[in-house]
Structure formats: structure tokens, C-alpha cells
Amino acid sequence: MLADPLPESGTLELLLWILRLRRRMRVSGASMIPTLAEDDEVLVDTRAYANRFPNVGEIVVAHRPDRRNVVLVKRVTEVRPNGRILLLGDNPAASTDSLEFGPITLEHLIGKVTSRFA
């Protein structure tokens, strides 16, 4: 399920980054092609899920549940009633995602990708 293309960082997003309300991260790997390519940089709202679950279609940054030192950029494809969240890459042939490690919980989420850093 591909959503609209990720917007480029505008003035507001850049201001939020300067104010440390966004975190800048670099994508590694090809799992999110065509939306994001390796070495693309994104801005992440680390407070986005403080009071809510993600919506289906949002791109998130999360800790891999079985290897917490691994950080993933994936798309939310399902939020189950029990609070478990399924993440998939946009490029299934190159993605390690919930099909391998299962659904995650809210505590694994780092934040919501808000824009491509430009």
C-alpha cells in the first residue's frame, strides 16, 4: 500500500528541526524504494506517537523488536485492536519487516517520518 509521495522539508519542518522538534535520520538499504532510497535523509517527529497509535500508511522509524540496536524505516500496514503494529517495506524483495519479525508495539516506535530532508 503506497501512500502519497513523501513531501520535501518546507520552512516549517526545517524550523522544527532547528528547534530540535524533529530528528534528522539517514535511510540505509533499499527496502523503502520507490518512496525512499538509500542515503535519503528524512525528518522524524519523535513525539508523534506519545498519545496515539500510528495510522495505516504512515512511514515510521522503529527499533527492530528482536534486535533493539537495529533501527528501521517502514510503512505501517495494519494497527490491530490489541495495539500490535505491522510494518512493511515498500520494496518487499529488499525488506526485512513484520513478515520476518512479527508485529511491534508502540514502545518500539521512534517516531513518524514527516518529510524528506532537502
PDB file of N, CA and C in Angstrom:
ATOM      1  N   MET A   1       0.837  -1.178   0.000  1.00  0.00           N
ATOM      2  CA  MET A   1       0.000   0.000   0.000  1.00  0.00           C
ATOM      3  C   MET A   1       0.879   1.238   0.000  1.00  0.00           C
ATOM      4  N   LEU A   2       0.989   1.896  -1.107  1.00  0.00           N
ATOM      5  CA  LEU A   2       1.783   3.110  -1.190  1.00  0.00           C
ATOM      6  C   LEU A   2       0.878   4.311  -1.020  1.00  0.00           C
ATOM      7  N   ALA A   3       1.320   5.250  -0.211  1.00  0.00           N
ATOM      8  CA  ALA A   3       0.575   6.486   0.004  1.00  0.00           C
ATOM      9  C   ALA A   3       1.144   7.552  -0.917  1.00  0.00           C
ATOM     10  N   ASP A   4       0.710   8.780  -0.715  1.00  0.00           N
ATOM     11  CA  ASP A   4       1.244   9.897  -1.491  1.00  0.00           C
ATOM     12  C   ASP A   4       2.748   9.987  -1.277  1.00  0.00           C
ATOM     13  N   PRO A   5       3.462  10.546  -2.246  1.00  0.00           N
ATOM     14  CA  PRO A   5       4.903  10.708  -2.065  1.00  0.00           C
ATOM     15  C   PRO A   5       5.209  11.529  -0.820  1.00  0.00           C
ATOM     16  N   LEU A   6       6.334  11.240  -0.215  1.00  0.00           N
ATOM     17  CA  LEU A   6       6.761  11.955   0.981  1.00  0.00           C
ATOM     18  C   LEU A   6       7.145  13.379   0.594  1.00  0.00           C
ATOM     19  N   PRO A   7       6.605  14.392   1.274  1.00  0.00           N
ATOM     20  CA  PRO A   7       6.937  15.769   0.894  1.00  0.00           C
ATOM     21  C   PRO A   7       8.370  16.133   1.246  1.00  0.00           C
ATOM     22  N   GLU A   8       8.893  17.108   0.536  1.00  0.00           N
ATOM     23  CA  GLU A   8      10.206  17.667   0.874  1.00  0.00           C
ATOM     24  C   GLU A   8      10.032  18.591   2.073  1.00  0.00           C
ATOM     25  N   SER A   9      11.078  18.720   2.869  1.00  0.00           N
ATOM     26  CA  SER A   9      11.026  19.584   4.048  1.00  0.00           C
ATOM     27  C   SER A   9      10.824  21.028   3.625  1.00  0.00           C
ATOM     28  N   GLY A  10       9.770  21.620   4.122  1.00  0.00           N
ATOM     29  CA  GLY A  10       9.499  23.035   3.871  1.00  0.00           C
ATOM     30  C   GLY A  10      10.023  23.874   5.025  1.00  0.00           C
ATOM     31  N   THR A  11       9.688  25.133   4.992  1.00  0.00           N
ATOM     32  CA  THR A  11      10.164  26.067   6.001  1.00  0.00           C
ATOM     33  C   THR A  11       9.772  25.631   7.409  1.00  0.00           C
ATOM     34  N   LEU A  12       8.515  25.219   7.594  1.00  0.00           N
ATOM     35  CA  LEU A  12       8.060  24.819   8.931  1.00  0.00           C
ATOM     36  C   LEU A  12       8.826  23.603   9.435  1.00  0.00           C
ATOM     37  N   GLU A  13       8.985  22.598   8.589  1.00  0.00           N
ATOM     38  CA  GLU A  13       9.714  21.386   9.006  1.00  0.00           C
ATOM     39  C   GLU A  13      11.164  21.719   9.360  1.00  0.00           C
ATOM     40  N   LEU A  14      11.794  22.581   8.566  1.00  0.00           N
ATOM     41  CA  LEU A  14      13.177  22.961   8.855  1.00  0.00           C
ATOM     42  C   LEU A  14      13.274  23.753  10.160  1.00  0.00           C
ATOM     43  N   LEU A  15      12.295  24.604  10.406  1.00  0.00           N
ATOM     44  CA  LEU A  15      12.269  25.342  11.665  1.00  0.00           C
ATOM     45  C   LEU A  15      12.104  24.379  12.849  1.00  0.00           C
ATOM     46  N   LEU A  16      11.220  23.407  12.704  1.00  0.00           N
ATOM     47  CA  LEU A  16      11.030  22.416  13.769  1.00  0.00           C
ATOM     48  C   LEU A  16      12.316  21.617  14.007  1.00  0.00           C
ATOM     49  N   TRP A  17      13.069  21.359  12.952  1.00  0.00           N
ATOM     50  CA  TRP A  17      14.349  20.654  13.092  1.00  0.00           C
ATOM     51  C   TRP A  17      15.352  21.541  13.847  1.00  0.00           C
ATOM     52  N   ILE A  18      15.421  22.796  13.470  1.00  0.00           N
ATOM     53  CA  ILE A  18      16.326  23.729  14.150  1.00  0.00           C
ATOM     54  C   ILE A  18      15.974  23.832  15.633  1.00  0.00           C
ATOM     55  N   LEU A  19      14.685  23.801  15.939  1.00  0.00           N
ATOM     56  CA  LEU A  19      14.219  23.878  17.325  1.00  0.00           C
ATOM     57  C   LEU A  19      14.296  22.523  18.048  1.00  0.00           C
ATOM     58  N   ARG A  20      14.858  21.542  17.366  1.00  0.00           N
ATOM     59  CA  ARG A  20      15.029  20.187  17.914  1.00  0.00           C
ATOM     60  C   ARG A  20      13.710  19.473  18.179  1.00  0.00           C
ATOM     61  N   LEU A  21      12.697  19.811  17.378  1.00  0.00           N
ATOM     62  CA  LEU A  21      11.422  19.125  17.455  1.00  0.00           C
ATOM     63  C   LEU A  21      11.277  18.100  16.328  1.00  0.00           C
ATOM     64  N   ARG A  22      12.314  17.993  15.535  1.00  0.00           N
ATOM     65  CA  ARG A  22      12.430  16.946  14.515  1.00  0.00           C
ATOM     66  C   ARG A  22      13.836  16.375  14.618  1.00  0.00           C
ATOM     67  N   ARG A  23      13.943  15.105  14.305  1.00  0.00           N
ATOM     68  CA  ARG A  23      15.248  14.438  14.300  1.00  0.00           C
ATOM     69  C   ARG A  23      15.585  14.077  12.858  1.00  0.00           C
ATOM     70  N   ARG A  24      16.810  14.342  12.452  1.00  0.00           N
ATOM     71  CA  ARG A  24      17.259  14.056  11.088  1.00  0.00           C
ATOM     72  C   ARG A  24      17.888  12.667  11.072  1.00  0.00           C
ATOM     73  N   MET A  25      17.457  11.832  10.132  1.00  0.00           N
ATOM     74  CA  MET A  25      17.974  10.467  10.032  1.00  0.00           C
ATOM     75  C   MET A  25      18.249  10.125   8.573  1.00  0.00           C
ATOM     76  N   ARG A  26      19.215   9.234   8.366  1.00  0.00           N
ATOM     77  CA  ARG A  26      19.594   8.788   7.028  1.00  0.00           C
ATOM     78  C   ARG A  26      19.070   7.366   6.807  1.00  0.00           C
ATOM     79  N   VAL A  27      18.510   7.139   5.627  1.00  0.00           N
ATOM     80  CA  VAL A  27      17.982   5.830   5.251  1.00  0.00           C
ATOM     81  C   VAL A  27      19.131   4.957   4.763  1.00  0.00           C
ATOM     82  N   SER A  28      19.156   3.715   5.208  1.00  0.00           N
ATOM     83  CA  SER A  28      20.126   2.769   4.650  1.00  0.00           C
ATOM     84  C   SER A  28      19.345   1.587   4.095  1.00  0.00           C
ATOM     85  N   GLY A  29      19.776   1.105   2.958  1.00  0.00           N
ATOM     86  CA  GLY A  29      19.109  -0.026   2.332  1.00  0.00           C
ATOM     87  C   GLY A  29      18.066   0.404   1.313  1.00  0.00           C
ATOM     88  N   ALA A  30      17.516  -0.601   0.638  1.00  0.00           N
ATOM     89  CA  ALA A  30      16.579  -0.364  -0.466  1.00  0.00           C
ATOM     90  C   ALA A  30      15.149  -0.768  -0.132  1.00  0.00           C
ATOM     91  N   SER A  31      14.848  -0.990   1.134  1.00  0.00           N
ATOM     92  CA  SER A  31      13.534  -1.532   1.487  1.00  0.00           C
ATOM     93  C   SER A  31      12.370  -0.570   1.270  1.00  0.00           C
ATOM     94  N   MET A  32      12.648   0.726   1.168  1.00  0.00           N
ATOM     95  CA  MET A  32      11.563   1.697   1.002  1.00  0.00           C
ATOM     96  C   MET A  32      11.507   2.313  -0.396  1.00  0.00           C
ATOM     97  N   ILE A  33      12.258   1.759  -1.335  1.00  0.00           N
ATOM     98  CA  ILE A  33      12.169   2.210  -2.734  1.00  0.00           C
ATOM     99  C   ILE A  33      10.774   1.855  -3.250  1.00  0.00           C
ATOM    100  N   PRO A  34      10.054   2.702  -3.920  1.00  0.00           N
ATOM    101  CA  PRO A  34      10.477   3.952  -4.548  1.00  0.00           C
ATOM    102  C   PRO A  34      10.294   5.194  -3.678  1.00  0.00           C
ATOM    103  N   THR A  35       9.702   5.060  -2.498  1.00  0.00           N
ATOM    104  CA  THR A  35       9.437   6.234  -1.664  1.00  0.00           C
ATOM    105  C   THR A  35      10.722   6.865  -1.145  1.00  0.00           C
ATOM    106  N   LEU A  36      11.608   6.036  -0.617  1.00  0.00           N
ATOM    107  CA  LEU A  36      12.889   6.496  -0.077  1.00  0.00           C
ATOM    108  C   LEU A  36      13.995   5.588  -0.579  1.00  0.00           C
ATOM    109  N   ALA A  37      15.102   6.183  -0.962  1.00  0.00           N
ATOM    110  CA  ALA A  37      16.258   5.430  -1.441  1.00  0.00           C
ATOM    111  C   ALA A  37      17.357   5.460  -0.383  1.00  0.00           C
ATOM    112  N   GLU A  38      18.318   4.578  -0.546  1.00  0.00           N
ATOM    113  CA  GLU A  38      19.466   4.573   0.357  1.00  0.00           C
ATOM    114  C   GLU A  38      20.128   5.938   0.347  1.00  0.00           C
ATOM    115  N   ASP A  39      20.516   6.400   1.524  1.00  0.00           N
ATOM    116  CA  ASP A  39      21.164   7.690   1.765  1.00  0.00           C
ATOM    117  C   ASP A  39      20.230   8.889   1.711  1.00  0.00           C
ATOM    118  N   ASP A  40      18.930   8.689   1.434  1.00  0.00           N
ATOM    119  CA  ASP A  40      17.991   9.795   1.603  1.00  0.00           C
ATOM    120  C   ASP A  40      17.987  10.174   3.079  1.00  0.00           C
ATOM    121  N   GLU A  41      17.758  11.438   3.339  1.00  0.00           N
ATOM    122  CA  GLU A  41      17.633  11.894   4.723  1.00  0.00           C
ATOM    123  C   GLU A  41      16.197  12.333   4.957  1.00  0.00           C
ATOM    124  N   VAL A  42      15.697  12.018   6.146  1.00  0.00           N
ATOM    125  CA  VAL A  42      14.322  12.332   6.494  1.00  0.00           C
ATOM    126  C   VAL A  42      14.288  13.063   7.832  1.00  0.00           C
ATOM    127  N   LEU A  43      13.202  13.777   8.061  1.00  0.00           N
ATOM    128  CA  LEU A  43      12.947  14.378   9.364  1.00  0.00           C
ATOM    129  C   LEU A  43      11.890  13.537  10.061  1.00  0.00           C
ATOM    130  N   VAL A  44      12.090  13.323  11.364  1.00  0.00           N
ATOM    131  CA  VAL A  44      11.247  12.429  12.139  1.00  0.00           C
ATOM    132  C   VAL A  44      10.682  13.172  13.339  1.00  0.00           C
ATOM    133  N   ASP A  45       9.375  13.064  13.514  1.00  0.00           N
ATOM    134  CA  ASP A  45       8.714  13.632  14.695  1.00  0.00           C
ATOM    135  C   ASP A  45       8.721  12.566  15.780  1.00  0.00           C
ATOM    136  N   THR A  46       9.601  12.719  16.758  1.00  0.00           N
ATOM    137  CA  THR A  46       9.748  11.701  17.807  1.00  0.00           C
ATOM    138  C   THR A  46       8.645  11.793  18.860  1.00  0.00           C
ATOM    139  N   ARG A  47       7.809  12.797  18.762  1.00  0.00           N
ATOM    140  CA  ARG A  47       6.692  12.944  19.714  1.00  0.00           C
ATOM    141  C   ARG A  47       5.355  12.531  19.107  1.00  0.00           C
ATOM    142  N   ALA A  48       5.357  12.113  17.864  1.00  0.00           N
ATOM    143  CA  ALA A  48       4.114  11.843  17.134  1.00  0.00           C
ATOM    144  C   ALA A  48       3.229  10.800  17.803  1.00  0.00           C
ATOM    145  N   TYR A  49       3.831   9.813  18.441  1.00  0.00           N
ATOM    146  CA  TYR A  49       3.036   8.714  18.991  1.00  0.00           C
ATOM    147  C   TYR A  49       3.013   8.720  20.514  1.00  0.00           C
ATOM    148  N   ALA A  50       3.189   9.891  21.102  1.00  0.00           N
ATOM    149  CA  ALA A  50       3.133   9.997  22.553  1.00  0.00           C
ATOM    150  C   ALA A  50       1.721   9.733  23.068  1.00  0.00           C
ATOM    151  N   ASN A  51       0.707  10.101  22.270  1.00  0.00           N
ATOM    152  CA  ASN A  51      -0.675   9.965  22.719  1.00  0.00           C
ATOM    153  C   ASN A  51      -1.580   9.256  21.723  1.00  0.00           C
ATOM    154  N   ARG A  52      -0.992   8.615  20.721  1.00  0.00           N
ATOM    155  CA  ARG A  52      -1.829   7.940  19.728  1.00  0.00           C
ATOM    156  C   ARG A  52      -1.048   6.839  19.028  1.00  0.00           C
ATOM    157  N   PHE A  53      -1.788   5.944  18.404  1.00  0.00           N
ATOM    158  CA  PHE A  53      -1.184   4.929  17.563  1.00  0.00           C
ATOM    159  C   PHE A  53      -0.973   5.511  16.172  1.00  0.00           C
ATOM    160  N   PRO A  54      -0.067   4.935  15.397  1.00  0.00           N
ATOM    161  CA  PRO A  54       0.120   5.419  14.024  1.00  0.00           C
ATOM    162  C   PRO A  54      -1.083   5.070  13.159  1.00  0.00           C
ATOM    163  N   ASN A  55      -1.234   5.803  12.084  1.00  0.00           N
ATOM    164  CA  ASN A  55      -2.264   5.496  11.097  1.00  0.00           C
ATOM    165  C   ASN A  55      -1.679   4.608  10.019  1.00  0.00           C
ATOM    166  N   VAL A  56      -2.511   3.761   9.453  1.00  0.00           N
ATOM    167  CA  VAL A  56      -2.089   2.932   8.325  1.00  0.00           C
ATOM    168  C   VAL A  56      -1.625   3.859   7.205  1.00  0.00           C
ATOM    169  N   GLY A  57      -0.500   3.535   6.621  1.00  0.00           N
ATOM    170  CA  GLY A  57       0.064   4.324   5.531  1.00  0.00           C
ATOM    171  C   GLY A  57       1.182   5.248   5.967  1.00  0.00           C
ATOM    172  N   GLU A  58       1.273   5.558   7.256  1.00  0.00           N
ATOM    173  CA  GLU A  58       2.348   6.429   7.728  1.00  0.00           C
ATOM    174  C   GLU A  58       3.690   5.707   7.654  1.00  0.00           C
ATOM    175  N   ILE A  59       4.737   6.468   7.397  1.00  0.00           N
ATOM    176  CA  ILE A  59       6.094   5.935   7.415  1.00  0.00           C
ATOM    177  C   ILE A  59       6.665   6.234   8.790  1.00  0.00           C
ATOM    178  N   VAL A  60       7.238   5.213   9.406  1.00  0.00           N
ATOM    179  CA  VAL A  60       7.736   5.349  10.772  1.00  0.00           C
ATOM    180  C   VAL A  60       9.183   4.881  10.868  1.00  0.00           C
ATOM    181  N   VAL A  61       9.814   5.303  11.947  1.00  0.00           N
ATOM    182  CA  VAL A  61      11.129   4.797  12.327  1.00  0.00           C
ATOM    183  C   VAL A  61      10.913   4.015  13.612  1.00  0.00           C
ATOM    184  N   ALA A  62      11.464   2.798  13.654  1.00  0.00           N
ATOM    185  CA  ALA A  62      11.223   1.930  14.811  1.00  0.00           C
ATOM    186  C   ALA A  62      12.448   1.079  15.100  1.00  0.00           C
ATOM    187  N   HIS A  63      12.522   0.638  16.352  1.00  0.00           N
ATOM    188  CA  HIS A  63      13.522  -0.354  16.721  1.00  0.00           C
ATOM    189  C   HIS A  63      13.011  -1.720  16.300  1.00  0.00           C
ATOM    190  N   ARG A  64      13.879  -2.521  15.718  1.00  0.00           N
ATOM    191  CA  ARG A  64      13.518  -3.896  15.401  1.00  0.00           C
ATOM    192  C   ARG A  64      13.304  -4.637  16.727  1.00  0.00           C
ATOM    193  N   PRO A  65      12.175  -5.335  16.910  1.00  0.00           N
ATOM    194  CA  PRO A  65      11.860  -5.899  18.226  1.00  0.00           C
ATOM    195  C   PRO A  65      12.822  -6.981  18.706  1.00  0.00           C
ATOM    196  N   ASP A  66      13.405  -7.724  17.780  1.00  0.00           N
ATOM    197  CA  ASP A  66      14.307  -8.803  18.191  1.00  0.00           C
ATOM    198  C   ASP A  66      15.770  -8.374  18.213  1.00  0.00           C
ATOM    199  N   ARG A  67      16.046  -7.144  17.760  1.00  0.00           N
ATOM    200  CA  ARG A  67      17.407  -6.585  17.788  1.00  0.00           C
ATOM    201  C   ARG A  67      17.284  -5.079  17.977  1.00  0.00           C
ATOM    202  N   ARG A  68      17.117  -4.658  19.219  1.00  0.00           N
ATOM    203  CA  ARG A  68      16.791  -3.269  19.538  1.00  0.00           C
ATOM    204  C   ARG A  68      17.832  -2.257  19.033  1.00  0.00           C
ATOM    205  N   ASN A  69      19.042  -2.716  18.756  1.00  0.00           N
ATOM    206  CA  ASN A  69      20.056  -1.789  18.246  1.00  0.00           C
ATOM    207  C   ASN A  69      19.879  -1.502  16.757  1.00  0.00           C
ATOM    208  N   VAL A  70      18.976  -2.224  16.094  1.00  0.00           N
ATOM    209  CA  VAL A  70      18.705  -2.015  14.670  1.00  0.00           C
ATOM    210  C   VAL A  70      17.499  -1.091  14.531  1.00  0.00           C
ATOM    211  N   VAL A  71      17.684  -0.019  13.758  1.00  0.00           N
ATOM    212  CA  VAL A  71      16.616   0.950  13.526  1.00  0.00           C
ATOM    213  C   VAL A  71      16.110   0.786  12.096  1.00  0.00           C
ATOM    214  N   LEU A  72      14.792   0.771  11.943  1.00  0.00           N
ATOM    215  CA  LEU A  72      14.149   0.521  10.654  1.00  0.00           C
ATOM    216  C   LEU A  72      13.307   1.713  10.219  1.00  0.00           C
ATOM    217  N   VAL A  73      13.202   1.915   8.920  1.00  0.00           N
ATOM    218  CA  VAL A  73      12.239   2.846   8.345  1.00  0.00           C
ATOM    219  C   VAL A  73      11.272   1.995   7.544  1.00  0.00           C
ATOM    220  N   LYS A  74       9.996   1.996   7.940  1.00  0.00           N
ATOM    221  CA  LYS A  74       8.981   1.145   7.308  1.00  0.00           C
ATOM    222  C   LYS A  74       7.650   1.863   7.256  1.00  0.00           C
ATOM    223  N   ARG A  75       6.710   1.266   6.533  1.00  0.00           N
ATOM    224  CA  ARG A  75       5.357   1.796   6.425  1.00  0.00           C
ATOM    225  C   ARG A  75       4.418   0.979   7.319  1.00  0.00           C
ATOM    226  N   VAL A  76       3.528   1.656   8.011  1.00  0.00           N
ATOM    227  CA  VAL A  76       2.509   0.990   8.829  1.00  0.00           C
ATOM    228  C   VAL A  76       1.448   0.424   7.893  1.00  0.00           C
ATOM    229  N   THR A  77       1.219  -0.894   7.980  1.00  0.00           N
ATOM    230  CA  THR A  77       0.219  -1.511   7.111  1.00  0.00           C
ATOM    231  C   THR A  77      -1.005  -2.003   7.871  1.00  0.00           C
ATOM    232  N   GLU A  78      -0.876  -2.106   9.189  1.00  0.00           N
ATOM    233  CA  GLU A  78      -2.016  -2.538   9.991  1.00  0.00           C
ATOM    234  C   GLU A  78      -1.766  -2.167  11.448  1.00  0.00           C
ATOM    235  N   VAL A  79      -2.823  -1.709  12.104  1.00  0.00           N
ATOM    236  CA  VAL A  79      -2.800  -1.499  13.547  1.00  0.00           C
ATOM    237  C   VAL A  79      -3.931  -2.352  14.100  1.00  0.00           C
ATOM    238  N   ARG A  80      -3.557  -3.385  14.820  1.00  0.00           N
ATOM    239  CA  ARG A  80      -4.540  -4.340  15.325  1.00  0.00           C
ATOM    240  C   ARG A  80      -5.219  -3.808  16.588  1.00  0.00           C
ATOM    241  N   PRO A  81      -6.411  -4.314  16.891  1.00  0.00           N
ATOM    242  CA  PRO A  81      -7.121  -3.867  18.096  1.00  0.00           C
ATOM    243  C   PRO A  81      -6.321  -4.068  19.389  1.00  0.00           C
ATOM    244  N   ASN A  82      -5.434  -5.040  19.407  1.00  0.00           N
ATOM    245  CA  ASN A  82      -4.627  -5.283  20.611  1.00  0.00           C
ATOM    246  C   ASN A  82      -3.398  -4.366  20.680  1.00  0.00           C
ATOM    247  N   GLY A  83      -3.300  -3.407  19.745  1.00  0.00           N
ATOM    248  CA  GLY A  83      -2.199  -2.452  19.767  1.00  0.00           C
ATOM    249  C   GLY A  83      -0.949  -2.911  19.041  1.00  0.00           C
ATOM    250  N   ARG A  84      -0.975  -4.084  18.444  1.00  0.00           N
ATOM    251  CA  ARG A  84       0.179  -4.555  17.684  1.00  0.00           C
ATOM    252  C   ARG A  84       0.170  -3.901  16.305  1.00  0.00           C
ATOM    253  N   ILE A  85       1.360  -3.519  15.841  1.00  0.00           N
ATOM    254  CA  ILE A  85       1.515  -2.736  14.616  1.00  0.00           C
ATOM    255  C   ILE A  85       2.330  -3.531  13.612  1.00  0.00           C
ATOM    256  N   LEU A  86       1.800  -3.677  12.395  1.00  0.00           N
ATOM    257  CA  LEU A  86       2.534  -4.360  11.330  1.00  0.00           C
ATOM    258  C   LEU A  86       3.239  -3.331  10.461  1.00  0.00           C
ATOM    259  N   LEU A  87       4.523  -3.586  10.203  1.00  0.00           N
ATOM    260  CA  LEU A  87       5.356  -2.716   9.377  1.00  0.00           C
ATOM    261  C   LEU A  87       5.836  -3.493   8.168  1.00  0.00           C
ATOM    262  N   LEU A  88       5.754  -2.878   6.998  1.00  0.00           N
ATOM    263  CA  LEU A  88       6.284  -3.475   5.780  1.00  0.00           C
ATOM    264  C   LEU A  88       7.083  -2.436   5.017  1.00  0.00           C
ATOM    265  N   GLY A  89       8.083  -2.906   4.278  1.00  0.00           N
ATOM    266  CA  GLY A  89       8.819  -2.027   3.382  1.00  0.00           C
ATOM    267  C   GLY A  89       8.047  -1.869   2.087  1.00  0.00           C
ATOM    268  N   ASP A  90       8.265  -0.758   1.387  1.00  0.00           N
ATOM    269  CA  ASP A  90       7.613  -0.538   0.097  1.00  0.00           C
ATOM    270  C   ASP A  90       8.203  -1.422  -0.985  1.00  0.00           C
ATOM    271  N   ASN A  91       9.385  -1.966  -0.762  1.00  0.00           N
ATOM    272  CA  ASN A  91      10.074  -2.835  -1.710  1.00  0.00           C
ATOM    273  C   ASN A  91      10.228  -4.215  -1.063  1.00  0.00           C
ATOM    274  N   PRO A  92       9.208  -5.081  -1.172  1.00  0.00           N
ATOM    275  CA  PRO A  92       9.222  -6.357  -0.450  1.00  0.00           C
ATOM    276  C   PRO A  92      10.448  -7.228  -0.725  1.00  0.00           C
ATOM    277  N   ALA A  93      11.000  -7.160  -1.914  1.00  0.00           N
ATOM    278  CA  ALA A  93      12.148  -8.004  -2.250  1.00  0.00           C
ATOM    279  C   ALA A  93      13.396  -7.624  -1.453  1.00  0.00           C
ATOM    280  N   ALA A  94      13.438  -6.402  -0.937  1.00  0.00           N
ATOM    281  CA  ALA A  94      14.634  -5.944  -0.214  1.00  0.00           C
ATOM    282  C   ALA A  94      14.330  -5.590   1.241  1.00  0.00           C
ATOM    283  N   SER A  95      13.187  -6.039   1.758  1.00  0.00           N
ATOM    284  CA  SER A  95      12.757  -5.583   3.075  1.00  0.00           C
ATOM    285  C   SER A  95      12.784  -6.678   4.134  1.00  0.00           C
ATOM    286  N   THR A  96      13.317  -6.326   5.282  1.00  0.00           N
ATOM    287  CA  THR A  96      13.168  -7.130   6.492  1.00  0.00           C
ATOM    288  C   THR A  96      12.146  -6.383   7.329  1.00  0.00           C
ATOM    289  N   ASP A  97      10.998  -7.006   7.567  1.00  0.00           N
ATOM    290  CA  ASP A  97       9.903  -6.292   8.206  1.00  0.00           C
ATOM    291  C   ASP A  97       9.060  -7.242   9.049  1.00  0.00           C
ATOM    292  N   SER A  98       7.820  -6.872   9.316  1.00  0.00           N
ATOM    293  CA  SER A  98       6.955  -7.687  10.175  1.00  0.00           C
ATOM    294  C   SER A  98       6.698  -9.084   9.626  1.00  0.00           C
ATOM    295  N   LEU A  99       6.910  -9.289   8.352  1.00  0.00           N
ATOM    296  CA  LEU A  99       6.776 -10.647   7.807  1.00  0.00           C
ATOM    297  C   LEU A  99       7.847 -11.564   8.379  1.00  0.00           C
ATOM    298  N   GLU A 100       8.959 -10.989   8.795  1.00  0.00           N
ATOM    299  CA  GLU A 100      10.045 -11.774   9.398  1.00  0.00           C
ATOM    300  C   GLU A 100       9.994 -11.752  10.922  1.00  0.00           C
ATOM    301  N   PHE A 101       9.841 -10.563  11.515  1.00  0.00           N
ATOM    302  CA  PHE A 101       9.937 -10.467  12.978  1.00  0.00           C
ATOM    303  C   PHE A 101       8.596 -10.269  13.672  1.00  0.00           C
ATOM    304  N   GLY A 102       7.516 -10.201  12.929  1.00  0.00           N
ATOM    305  CA  GLY A 102       6.193 -10.069  13.517  1.00  0.00           C
ATOM    306  C   GLY A 102       5.818  -8.637  13.814  1.00  0.00           C
ATOM    307  N   PRO A 103       4.636  -8.438  14.378  1.00  0.00           N
ATOM    308  CA  PRO A 103       4.194  -7.080  14.700  1.00  0.00           C
ATOM    309  C   PRO A 103       4.999  -6.501  15.851  1.00  0.00           C
ATOM    310  N   ILE A 104       4.988  -5.181  15.926  1.00  0.00           N
ATOM    311  CA  ILE A 104       5.693  -4.482  17.004  1.00  0.00           C
ATOM    312  C   ILE A 104       4.668  -3.826  17.921  1.00  0.00           C
ATOM    313  N   THR A 105       5.161  -3.264  19.016  1.00  0.00           N
ATOM    314  CA  THR A 105       4.301  -2.492  19.911  1.00  0.00           C
ATOM    315  C   THR A 105       4.690  -1.025  19.825  1.00  0.00           C
ATOM    316  N   LEU A 106       3.862  -0.187  20.405  1.00  0.00           N
ATOM    317  CA  LEU A 106       4.089   1.249  20.388  1.00  0.00           C
ATOM    318  C   LEU A 106       5.447   1.623  20.969  1.00  0.00           C
ATOM    319  N   GLU A 107       5.913   0.865  21.952  1.00  0.00           N
ATOM    320  CA  GLU A 107       7.203   1.181  22.587  1.00  0.00           C
ATOM    321  C   GLU A 107       8.390   1.037  21.639  1.00  0.00           C
ATOM    322  N   HIS A 108       8.225   0.308  20.539  1.00  0.00           N
ATOM    323  CA  HIS A 108       9.301   0.153  19.563  1.00  0.00           C
ATOM    324  C   HIS A 108       9.425   1.351  18.623  1.00  0.00           C
ATOM    325  N   LEU A 109       8.365   2.168  18.540  1.00  0.00           N
ATOM    326  CA  LEU A 109       8.370   3.287  17.605  1.00  0.00           C
ATOM    327  C   LEU A 109       9.251   4.425  18.113  1.00  0.00           C
ATOM    328  N   ILE A 110      10.070   4.945  17.212  1.00  0.00           N
ATOM    329  CA  ILE A 110      10.894   6.121  17.497  1.00  0.00           C
ATOM    330  C   ILE A 110      10.135   7.373  17.085  1.00  0.00           C
ATOM    331  N   GLY A 111       9.443   7.304  15.949  1.00  0.00           N
ATOM    332  CA  GLY A 111       8.675   8.463  15.504  1.00  0.00           C
ATOM    333  C   GLY A 111       8.142   8.312  14.099  1.00  0.00           C
ATOM    334  N   LYS A 112       7.478   9.360  13.670  1.00  0.00           N
ATOM    335  CA  LYS A 112       6.857   9.421  12.348  1.00  0.00           C
ATOM    336  C   LYS A 112       7.742  10.219  11.401  1.00  0.00           C
ATOM    337  N   VAL A 113       7.980   9.665  10.214  1.00  0.00           N
ATOM    338  CA  VAL A 113       8.716  10.393   9.182  1.00  0.00           C
ATOM    339  C   VAL A 113       7.772  11.461   8.627  1.00  0.00           C
ATOM    340  N   THR A 114       8.181  12.708   8.731  1.00  0.00           N
ATOM    341  CA  THR A 114       7.322  13.817   8.317  1.00  0.00           C
ATOM    342  C   THR A 114       7.677  14.375   6.947  1.00  0.00           C
ATOM    343  N   SER A 115       8.950  14.252   6.552  1.00  0.00           N
ATOM    344  CA  SER A 115       9.369  14.800   5.266  1.00  0.00           C
ATOM    345  C   SER A 115      10.745  14.285   4.875  1.00  0.00           C
ATOM    346  N   ARG A 116      11.026  14.463   3.603  1.00  0.00           N
ATOM    347  CA  ARG A 116      12.372  14.174   3.087  1.00  0.00           C
ATOM    348  C   ARG A 116      13.193  15.441   3.295  1.00  0.00           C
ATOM    349  N   PHE A 117      14.353  15.297   3.920  1.00  0.00           N
ATOM    350  CA  PHE A 117      15.198  16.468   4.200  1.00  0.00           C
ATOM    351  C   PHE A 117      15.758  17.008   2.902  1.00  0.00           C
ATOM    352  N   ALA A 118      15.575  18.283   2.686  1.00  0.00           N
ATOM    353  CA  ALA A 118      16.092  18.890   1.454  1.00  0.00           C
ATOM    354  C   ALA A 118      16.716  20.241   1.763  1.00  0.00           C
TER     355      ALA A 118
END
